[in-house]
Amino acid sequence: DEPALLSAPPAGRAVAPAARAAAGRDVWLVHPWALGEPPADLPRDCLRIGWWPADHHRLWPWSAMRWAFADSRMQALAPVCWYAGGADLDAALAGARSVQTWADPHCGTLLPPGVLQRAATPLFVPVRQPCQSFSQWWRRSMHGIDALRDLPGLAAPAQPPLRLQPAKLLRSKWTAAKPLNREKHFIVTALIEEDPPGAGIDLITMEAVLTRRSFTLRWRELNDSTRWLQGWR
């Protein structure tokens, strides 16, 4: 038998919008076509709200299995989920300080006009040349990709820049983002001041935990997240 189609999420999994929840807040809106992690540059106290677009689901109902699949991710991303049409969502978000979400053609026309729709990173590397077959497109899009986690759309979101204080770097632990020769974990073993004395710290000495190899670098290079990750991971 064909599974029953439902136009609303499971009972108790979503509520009607409440304007007081978003009043004066920065809001990140989670919708069912963009269930990835939010951007790393959102305000620290940004409120995440899940949104099931009622206007869409009344026209395009889902099976219980699809609801359960999407809802499990929605609940993990947002502490509160709303089931609402566009007009109700617009009214509930009118008092928010700002509202952002990932852009997607499914919900672009359903969103209130004041919502900032941010372009999400595409899953695959764009292929500019015409392809004669899926296999050709696959080879081109996967060129240089060794594992699924290396796909642009699955990569960890960019992290905000670190606010390092050079005087506090001694004995701090670091991980090489791209380890070489099995040297992955490092520790800062010395701070080196600029000349003349008192001019401030310029260089640091790093030591590889595995090989005990030491080298110096400018402490500001630790801000480059493509090379260094804070802590041992």
C-alpha atoms as a PDB file:
ATOM      1  CA  ASP A   1       0.000   0.000   0.000  1.00  0.00           C
ATOM      2  CA  GLU A   2       1.039   3.574  -0.607  1.00  0.00           C
ATOM      3  CA  PRO A   3       2.174   5.290   2.615  1.00  0.00           C
ATOM      4  CA  ALA A   4      -0.107   7.964   4.017  1.00  0.00           C
ATOM      5  CA  LEU A   5       0.959  11.538   3.259  1.00  0.00           C
ATOM      6  CA  LEU A   6       0.971  14.119   6.020  1.00  0.00           C
ATOM      7  CA  SER A   7       0.906  17.919   5.658  1.00  0.00           C
ATOM      8  CA  ALA A   8       2.300  18.641   9.134  1.00  0.00           C
ATOM      9  CA  PRO A   9       5.148  17.326  11.289  1.00  0.00           C
ATOM     10  CA  PRO A  10       4.525  14.679  13.977  1.00  0.00           C
ATOM     11  CA  ALA A  11       2.385  15.805  16.900  1.00  0.00           C
ATOM     12  CA  GLY A  12       4.321  17.749  19.487  1.00  0.00           C
ATOM     13  CA  ARG A  13       7.343  18.342  17.213  1.00  0.00           C
ATOM     14  CA  ALA A  14       6.421  21.899  16.171  1.00  0.00           C
ATOM     15  CA  VAL A  15       4.431  24.806  17.592  1.00  0.00           C
ATOM     16  CA  ALA A  16       2.741  27.937  16.317  1.00  0.00           C
ATOM     17  CA  PRO A  17       5.063  30.964  15.980  1.00  0.00           C
ATOM     18  CA  ALA A  18       5.528  33.164  19.026  1.00  0.00           C
ATOM     19  CA  ALA A  19       6.664  36.727  18.325  1.00  0.00           C
ATOM     20  CA  ARG A  20       7.992  37.166  21.869  1.00  0.00           C
ATOM     21  CA  ALA A  21      10.596  34.429  21.268  1.00  0.00           C
ATOM     22  CA  ALA A  22      12.269  36.376  18.454  1.00  0.00           C
ATOM     23  CA  ALA A  23      11.737  39.935  19.701  1.00  0.00           C
ATOM     24  CA  GLY A  24      15.014  41.827  19.796  1.00  0.00           C
ATOM     25  CA  ARG A  25      17.024  38.721  18.884  1.00  0.00           C
ATOM     26  CA  ASP A  26      19.313  37.745  16.032  1.00  0.00           C
ATOM     27  CA  VAL A  27      17.675  34.686  14.461  1.00  0.00           C
ATOM     28  CA  TRP A  28      19.051  31.866  12.328  1.00  0.00           C
ATOM     29  CA  LEU A  29      16.149  30.173  10.533  1.00  0.00           C
ATOM     30  CA  VAL A  30      16.535  26.438   9.886  1.00  0.00           C
ATOM     31  CA  HIS A  31      14.337  25.080   7.088  1.00  0.00           C
ATOM     32  CA  PRO A  32      13.956  21.544   5.696  1.00  0.00           C
ATOM     33  CA  TRP A  33      16.011  22.145   2.537  1.00  0.00           C
ATOM     34  CA  ALA A  34      19.119  23.352   4.343  1.00  0.00           C
ATOM     35  CA  LEU A  35      19.762  21.189   7.369  1.00  0.00           C
ATOM     36  CA  GLY A  36      23.508  21.765   7.481  1.00  0.00           C
ATOM     37  CA  GLU A  37      25.412  23.576  10.201  1.00  0.00           C
ATOM     38  CA  PRO A  38      24.862  27.356  10.381  1.00  0.00           C
ATOM     39  CA  PRO A  39      27.671  29.786   9.483  1.00  0.00           C
ATOM     40  CA  ALA A  40      30.440  30.259  12.025  1.00  0.00           C
ATOM     41  CA  ASP A  41      30.142  34.051  11.985  1.00  0.00           C
ATOM     42  CA  LEU A  42      26.678  34.283  13.565  1.00  0.00           C
ATOM     43  CA  PRO A  43      26.370  36.277  16.801  1.00  0.00           C
ATOM     44  CA  ARG A  44      27.175  34.152  19.830  1.00  0.00           C
ATOM     45  CA  ASP A  45      23.661  34.497  21.291  1.00  0.00           C
ATOM     46  CA  CYS A  46      21.891  33.949  17.956  1.00  0.00           C
ATOM     47  CA  LEU A  47      18.584  32.114  18.365  1.00  0.00           C
ATOM     48  CA  ARG A  48      18.042  29.115  16.096  1.00  0.00           C
ATOM     49  CA  ILE A  49      14.436  28.541  15.060  1.00  0.00           C
ATOM     50  CA  GLY A  50      13.307  25.636  12.925  1.00  0.00           C
ATOM     51  CA  TRP A  51      10.602  26.373  10.359  1.00  0.00           C
ATOM     52  CA  TRP A  52       8.262  24.002   8.580  1.00  0.00           C
ATOM     53  CA  PRO A  53       6.610  26.061   5.777  1.00  0.00           C
ATOM     54  CA  ALA A  54       2.925  25.193   6.120  1.00  0.00           C
ATOM     55  CA  ASP A  55       2.028  26.700   2.723  1.00  0.00           C
ATOM     56  CA  HIS A  56       4.386  24.292   0.997  1.00  0.00           C
ATOM     57  CA  HIS A  57       3.527  21.190   3.007  1.00  0.00           C
ATOM     58  CA  ARG A  58      -0.202  21.601   2.426  1.00  0.00           C
ATOM     59  CA  LEU A  59       0.480  21.355  -1.305  1.00  0.00           C
ATOM     60  CA  TRP A  60       3.294  18.803  -1.068  1.00  0.00           C
ATOM     61  CA  PRO A  61       2.683  16.490   1.910  1.00  0.00           C
ATOM     62  CA  TRP A  62       5.328  14.035   3.078  1.00  0.00           C
ATOM     63  CA  SER A  63       5.293  10.441   4.243  1.00  0.00           C
ATOM     64  CA  ALA A  64       5.789   9.767   7.949  1.00  0.00           C
ATOM     65  CA  MET A  65       9.226   8.331   7.209  1.00  0.00           C
ATOM     66  CA  ARG A  66      10.366  11.489   5.431  1.00  0.00           C
ATOM     67  CA  TRP A  67       8.972  13.653   8.227  1.00  0.00           C
ATOM     68  CA  ALA A  68      10.857  11.592  10.810  1.00  0.00           C
ATOM     69  CA  PHE A  69      14.107  11.801   8.852  1.00  0.00           C
ATOM     70  CA  ALA A  70      14.003  15.585   8.390  1.00  0.00           C
ATOM     71  CA  ASP A  71      12.578  16.242  11.852  1.00  0.00           C
ATOM     72  CA  SER A  72      15.397  14.392  13.620  1.00  0.00           C
ATOM     73  CA  ARG A  73      17.909  16.758  12.041  1.00  0.00           C
ATOM     74  CA  MET A  74      15.727  19.822  12.574  1.00  0.00           C
ATOM     75  CA  GLN A  75      15.437  19.073  16.286  1.00  0.00           C
ATOM     76  CA  ALA A  76      19.216  18.698  16.540  1.00  0.00           C
ATOM     77  CA  LEU A  77      19.780  22.134  14.983  1.00  0.00           C
ATOM     78  CA  ALA A  78      17.031  24.216  16.606  1.00  0.00           C
ATOM     79  CA  PRO A  79      15.646  24.198  20.165  1.00  0.00           C
ATOM     80  CA  VAL A  80      12.240  25.360  18.924  1.00  0.00           C
ATOM     81  CA  CYS A  81      10.454  24.559  15.651  1.00  0.00           C
ATOM     82  CA  TRP A  82       7.560  26.477  14.128  1.00  0.00           C
ATOM     83  CA  TYR A  83       4.928  25.248  11.705  1.00  0.00           C
ATOM     84  CA  ALA A  84       3.704  28.360   9.931  1.00  0.00           C
ATOM     85  CA  GLY A  85       2.704  29.909   6.660  1.00  0.00           C
ATOM     86  CA  GLY A  86       4.593  32.838   5.212  1.00  0.00           C
ATOM     87  CA  ALA A  87       2.289  35.515   6.638  1.00  0.00           C
ATOM     88  CA  ASP A  88       2.413  34.090  10.165  1.00  0.00           C
ATOM     89  CA  LEU A  89       6.184  33.722   9.975  1.00  0.00           C
ATOM     90  CA  ASP A  90       6.522  37.334   8.804  1.00  0.00           C
ATOM     91  CA  ALA A  91       4.461  38.572  11.753  1.00  0.00           C
ATOM     92  CA  ALA A  92       6.392  36.482  14.280  1.00  0.00           C
ATOM     93  CA  LEU A  93       9.782  37.690  13.026  1.00  0.00           C
ATOM     94  CA  ALA A  94       8.826  41.355  12.644  1.00  0.00           C
ATOM     95  CA  GLY A  95      10.404  42.269  15.981  1.00  0.00           C
ATOM     96  CA  ALA A  96      13.653  40.343  15.474  1.00  0.00           C
ATOM     97  CA  ARG A  97      16.879  42.317  15.265  1.00  0.00           C
ATOM     98  CA  SER A  98      17.991  40.280  12.235  1.00  0.00           C
ATOM     99  CA  VAL A  99      16.966  37.051  10.493  1.00  0.00           C
ATOM    100  CA  GLN A 100      19.193  34.909   8.295  1.00  0.00           C
ATOM    101  CA  THR A 101      18.938  31.492   6.636  1.00  0.00           C
ATOM    102  CA  TRP A 102      20.530  29.403   3.898  1.00  0.00           C
ATOM    103  CA  ALA A 103      19.144  30.286   0.470  1.00  0.00           C
ATOM    104  CA  ASP A 104      17.224  27.593  -1.396  1.00  0.00           C
ATOM    105  CA  PRO A 105      14.821  27.841  -4.347  1.00  0.00           C
ATOM    106  CA  HIS A 106      12.179  25.741  -2.527  1.00  0.00           C
ATOM    107  CA  CYS A 107      11.546  28.406   0.097  1.00  0.00           C
ATOM    108  CA  GLY A 108      12.816  31.606  -1.488  1.00  0.00           C
ATOM    109  CA  THR A 109       9.336  32.928  -2.325  1.00  0.00           C
ATOM    110  CA  LEU A 110       7.864  31.722   0.976  1.00  0.00           C
ATOM    111  CA  LEU A 111      10.210  33.716   3.196  1.00  0.00           C
ATOM    112  CA  PRO A 112       9.444  37.202   4.504  1.00  0.00           C
ATOM    113  CA  PRO A 113      11.240  39.907   2.490  1.00  0.00           C
ATOM    114  CA  GLY A 114      13.435  40.950   5.404  1.00  0.00           C
ATOM    115  CA  VAL A 115      15.165  37.565   5.740  1.00  0.00           C
ATOM    116  CA  LEU A 116      18.782  37.561   4.559  1.00  0.00           C
ATOM    117  CA  GLN A 117      19.246  34.477   2.377  1.00  0.00           C
ATOM    118  CA  ARG A 118      22.883  33.415   2.391  1.00  0.00           C
ATOM    119  CA  ALA A 119      24.340  31.324  -0.397  1.00  0.00           C
ATOM    120  CA  ALA A 120      25.341  27.887   0.864  1.00  0.00           C
ATOM    121  CA  THR A 121      28.565  26.222  -0.239  1.00  0.00           C
ATOM    122  CA  PRO A 122      27.791  23.824  -3.135  1.00  0.00           C
ATOM    123  CA  LEU A 123      28.321  20.158  -2.332  1.00  0.00           C
ATOM    124  CA  PHE A 124      30.599  19.538  -5.327  1.00  0.00           C
ATOM    125  CA  VAL A 125      33.309  21.587  -6.986  1.00  0.00           C
ATOM    126  CA  PRO A 126      31.608  23.443  -9.882  1.00  0.00           C
ATOM    127  CA  VAL A 127      32.391  21.985 -13.328  1.00  0.00           C
ATOM    128  CA  ARG A 128      32.554  24.772 -15.904  1.00  0.00           C
ATOM    129  CA  GLN A 129      32.960  22.682 -19.060  1.00  0.00           C
ATOM    130  CA  PRO A 130      30.060  20.792 -20.677  1.00  0.00           C
ATOM    131  CA  CYS A 131      30.144  17.078 -19.900  1.00  0.00           C
ATOM    132  CA  GLN A 132      29.151  14.294 -22.294  1.00  0.00           C
ATOM    133  CA  SER A 133      28.154  11.900 -19.509  1.00  0.00           C
ATOM    134  CA  PHE A 134      27.602  11.630 -15.766  1.00  0.00           C
ATOM    135  CA  SER A 135      30.878   9.699 -15.492  1.00  0.00           C
ATOM    136  CA  GLN A 136      32.788  12.562 -17.071  1.00  0.00           C
ATOM    137  CA  TRP A 137      31.151  15.081 -14.761  1.00  0.00           C
ATOM    138  CA  TRP A 138      31.913  12.858 -11.763  1.00  0.00           C
ATOM    139  CA  ARG A 139      35.599  12.566 -12.657  1.00  0.00           C
ATOM    140  CA  ARG A 140      35.916  16.309 -13.082  1.00  0.00           C
ATOM    141  CA  SER A 141      33.965  17.255  -9.953  1.00  0.00           C
ATOM    142  CA  MET A 142      35.889  14.746  -7.822  1.00  0.00           C
ATOM    143  CA  HIS A 143      39.340  15.695  -9.121  1.00  0.00           C
ATOM    144  CA  GLY A 144      41.637  16.066  -6.115  1.00  0.00           C
ATOM    145  CA  ILE A 145      38.965  14.779  -3.693  1.00  0.00           C
ATOM    146  CA  ASP A 146      40.235  11.795  -1.707  1.00  0.00           C
ATOM    147  CA  ALA A 147      37.314  11.339   0.691  1.00  0.00           C
ATOM    148  CA  LEU A 148      33.699  12.503   0.955  1.00  0.00           C
ATOM    149  CA  ARG A 149      34.597  14.732   3.902  1.00  0.00           C
ATOM    150  CA  ASP A 150      36.779  16.761   1.514  1.00  0.00           C
ATOM    151  CA  LEU A 151      33.802  17.819  -0.634  1.00  0.00           C
ATOM    152  CA  PRO A 152      33.193  21.592  -0.340  1.00  0.00           C
ATOM    153  CA  GLY A 153      29.641  21.114   0.912  1.00  0.00           C
ATOM    154  CA  LEU A 154      30.683  18.677   3.632  1.00  0.00           C
ATOM    155  CA  ALA A 155      33.734  20.525   4.884  1.00  0.00           C
ATOM    156  CA  ALA A 156      33.597  21.981   8.374  1.00  0.00           C
ATOM    157  CA  PRO A 157      32.415  25.603   8.351  1.00  0.00           C
ATOM    158  CA  ALA A 158      35.074  28.246   8.548  1.00  0.00           C
ATOM    159  CA  GLN A 159      35.910  29.178  12.094  1.00  0.00           C
ATOM    160  CA  PRO A 160      36.056  32.774  13.301  1.00  0.00           C
ATOM    161  CA  PRO A 161      39.600  34.126  13.711  1.00  0.00           C
ATOM    162  CA  LEU A 162      41.328  33.322  16.969  1.00  0.00           C
ATOM    163  CA  ARG A 163      42.055  36.108  19.426  1.00  0.00           C
ATOM    164  CA  LEU A 164      45.491  35.001  20.530  1.00  0.00           C
ATOM    165  CA  GLN A 165      47.543  36.695  23.211  1.00  0.00           C
ATOM    166  CA  PRO A 166      51.209  35.934  22.490  1.00  0.00           C
ATOM    167  CA  ALA A 167      52.253  36.172  26.140  1.00  0.00           C
ATOM    168  CA  LYS A 168      49.871  33.296  26.974  1.00  0.00           C
ATOM    169  CA  LEU A 169      50.982  30.923  24.208  1.00  0.00           C
ATOM    170  CA  LEU A 170      53.709  29.152  26.196  1.00  0.00           C
ATOM    171  CA  ARG A 171      52.894  25.422  26.638  1.00  0.00           C
ATOM    172  CA  SER A 172      49.776  25.792  24.477  1.00  0.00           C
ATOM    173  CA  LYS A 173      48.855  22.787  22.319  1.00  0.00           C
ATOM    174  CA  TRP A 174      48.279  22.794  18.559  1.00  0.00           C
ATOM    175  CA  THR A 175      47.320  20.372  15.804  1.00  0.00           C
ATOM    176  CA  ALA A 176      48.622  20.523  12.255  1.00  0.00           C
ATOM    177  CA  ALA A 177      45.657  20.806   9.861  1.00  0.00           C
ATOM    178  CA  LYS A 178      47.646  18.859   7.249  1.00  0.00           C
ATOM    179  CA  PRO A 179      50.182  16.683   9.105  1.00  0.00           C
ATOM    180  CA  LEU A 180      53.477  15.813   7.425  1.00  0.00           C
ATOM    181  CA  ASN A 181      55.741  12.893   8.357  1.00  0.00           C
ATOM    182  CA  ARG A 182      53.216  11.794  11.018  1.00  0.00           C
ATOM    183  CA  GLU A 183      53.840  15.029  12.965  1.00  0.00           C
ATOM    184  CA  LYS A 184      50.350  16.025  14.031  1.00  0.00           C
ATOM    185  CA  HIS A 185      50.471  17.368  17.599  1.00  0.00           C
ATOM    186  CA  PHE A 186      52.686  20.265  18.681  1.00  0.00           C
ATOM    187  CA  ILE A 187      53.370  22.331  21.773  1.00  0.00           C
ATOM    188  CA  VAL A 188      54.778  25.850  22.140  1.00  0.00           C
ATOM    189  CA  THR A 189      58.007  25.537  24.102  1.00  0.00           C
ATOM    190  CA  ALA A 190      59.437  29.088  23.960  1.00  0.00           C
ATOM    191  CA  LEU A 191      58.462  32.711  23.302  1.00  0.00           C
ATOM    192  CA  ILE A 192      61.029  34.887  21.533  1.00  0.00           C
ATOM    193  CA  GLU A 193      60.950  38.686  21.864  1.00  0.00           C
ATOM    194  CA  GLU A 194      61.761  41.117  19.098  1.00  0.00           C
ATOM    195  CA  ASP A 195      64.760  43.386  19.232  1.00  0.00           C
ATOM    196  CA  PRO A 196      65.180  45.685  21.067  1.00  0.00           C
ATOM    197  CA  PRO A 197      64.131  44.071  24.382  1.00  0.00           C
ATOM    198  CA  GLY A 198      60.601  45.015  25.385  1.00  0.00           C
ATOM    199  CA  ALA A 199      59.419  45.352  21.784  1.00  0.00           C
ATOM    200  CA  GLY A 200      57.067  42.396  22.237  1.00  0.00           C
ATOM    201  CA  ILE A 201      56.938  38.746  21.248  1.00  0.00           C
ATOM    202  CA  ASP A 202      57.479  38.028  17.558  1.00  0.00           C
ATOM    203  CA  LEU A 203      58.527  34.377  17.255  1.00  0.00           C
ATOM    204  CA  ILE A 204      57.662  31.169  19.048  1.00  0.00           C
ATOM    205  CA  THR A 205      59.320  27.769  19.189  1.00  0.00           C
ATOM    206  CA  MET A 206      57.128  24.774  18.369  1.00  0.00           C
ATOM    207  CA  GLU A 207      57.982  21.159  19.165  1.00  0.00           C
ATOM    208  CA  ALA A 208      56.457  18.092  17.524  1.00  0.00           C
ATOM    209  CA  VAL A 209      55.256  15.706  20.218  1.00  0.00           C
ATOM    210  CA  LEU A 210      56.059  12.580  18.207  1.00  0.00           C
ATOM    211  CA  THR A 211      59.560  13.389  16.915  1.00  0.00           C
ATOM    212  CA  ARG A 212      60.667  16.177  19.299  1.00  0.00           C
ATOM    213  CA  ARG A 213      61.625  18.250  16.248  1.00  0.00           C
ATOM    214  CA  SER A 214      61.702  21.978  17.043  1.00  0.00           C
ATOM    215  CA  PHE A 215      61.303  24.978  14.780  1.00  0.00           C
ATOM    216  CA  THR A 216      60.419  28.663  15.015  1.00  0.00           C
ATOM    217  CA  LEU A 217      57.624  30.640  13.381  1.00  0.00           C
ATOM    218  CA  ARG A 218      55.859  33.938  13.852  1.00  0.00           C
ATOM    219  CA  TRP A 219      53.080  33.532  16.405  1.00  0.00           C
ATOM    220  CA  ARG A 220      50.561  35.226  14.098  1.00  0.00           C
ATOM    221  CA  GLU A 221      50.824  32.235  11.751  1.00  0.00           C
ATOM    222  CA  LEU A 222      48.772  30.272  14.297  1.00  0.00           C
ATOM    223  CA  ASN A 223      45.761  32.325  13.165  1.00  0.00           C
ATOM    224  CA  ASP A 224      45.817  30.466   9.834  1.00  0.00           C
ATOM    225  CA  SER A 225      43.207  27.719  10.343  1.00  0.00           C
ATOM    226  CA  THR A 226      44.271  26.011   7.122  1.00  0.00           C
ATOM    227  CA  ARG A 227      47.569  25.196   8.856  1.00  0.00           C
ATOM    228  CA  TRP A 228      46.942  25.190  12.600  1.00  0.00           C
ATOM    229  CA  LEU A 229      44.078  24.122  14.873  1.00  0.00           C
ATOM    230  CA  GLN A 230      44.053  25.063  18.550  1.00  0.00           C
ATOM    231  CA  GLY A 231      44.302  22.107  20.956  1.00  0.00           C
ATOM    232  CA  TRP A 232      45.056  18.458  20.212  1.00  0.00           C
ATOM    233  CA  ARG A 233      42.483  16.855  17.926  1.00  0.00           C
END
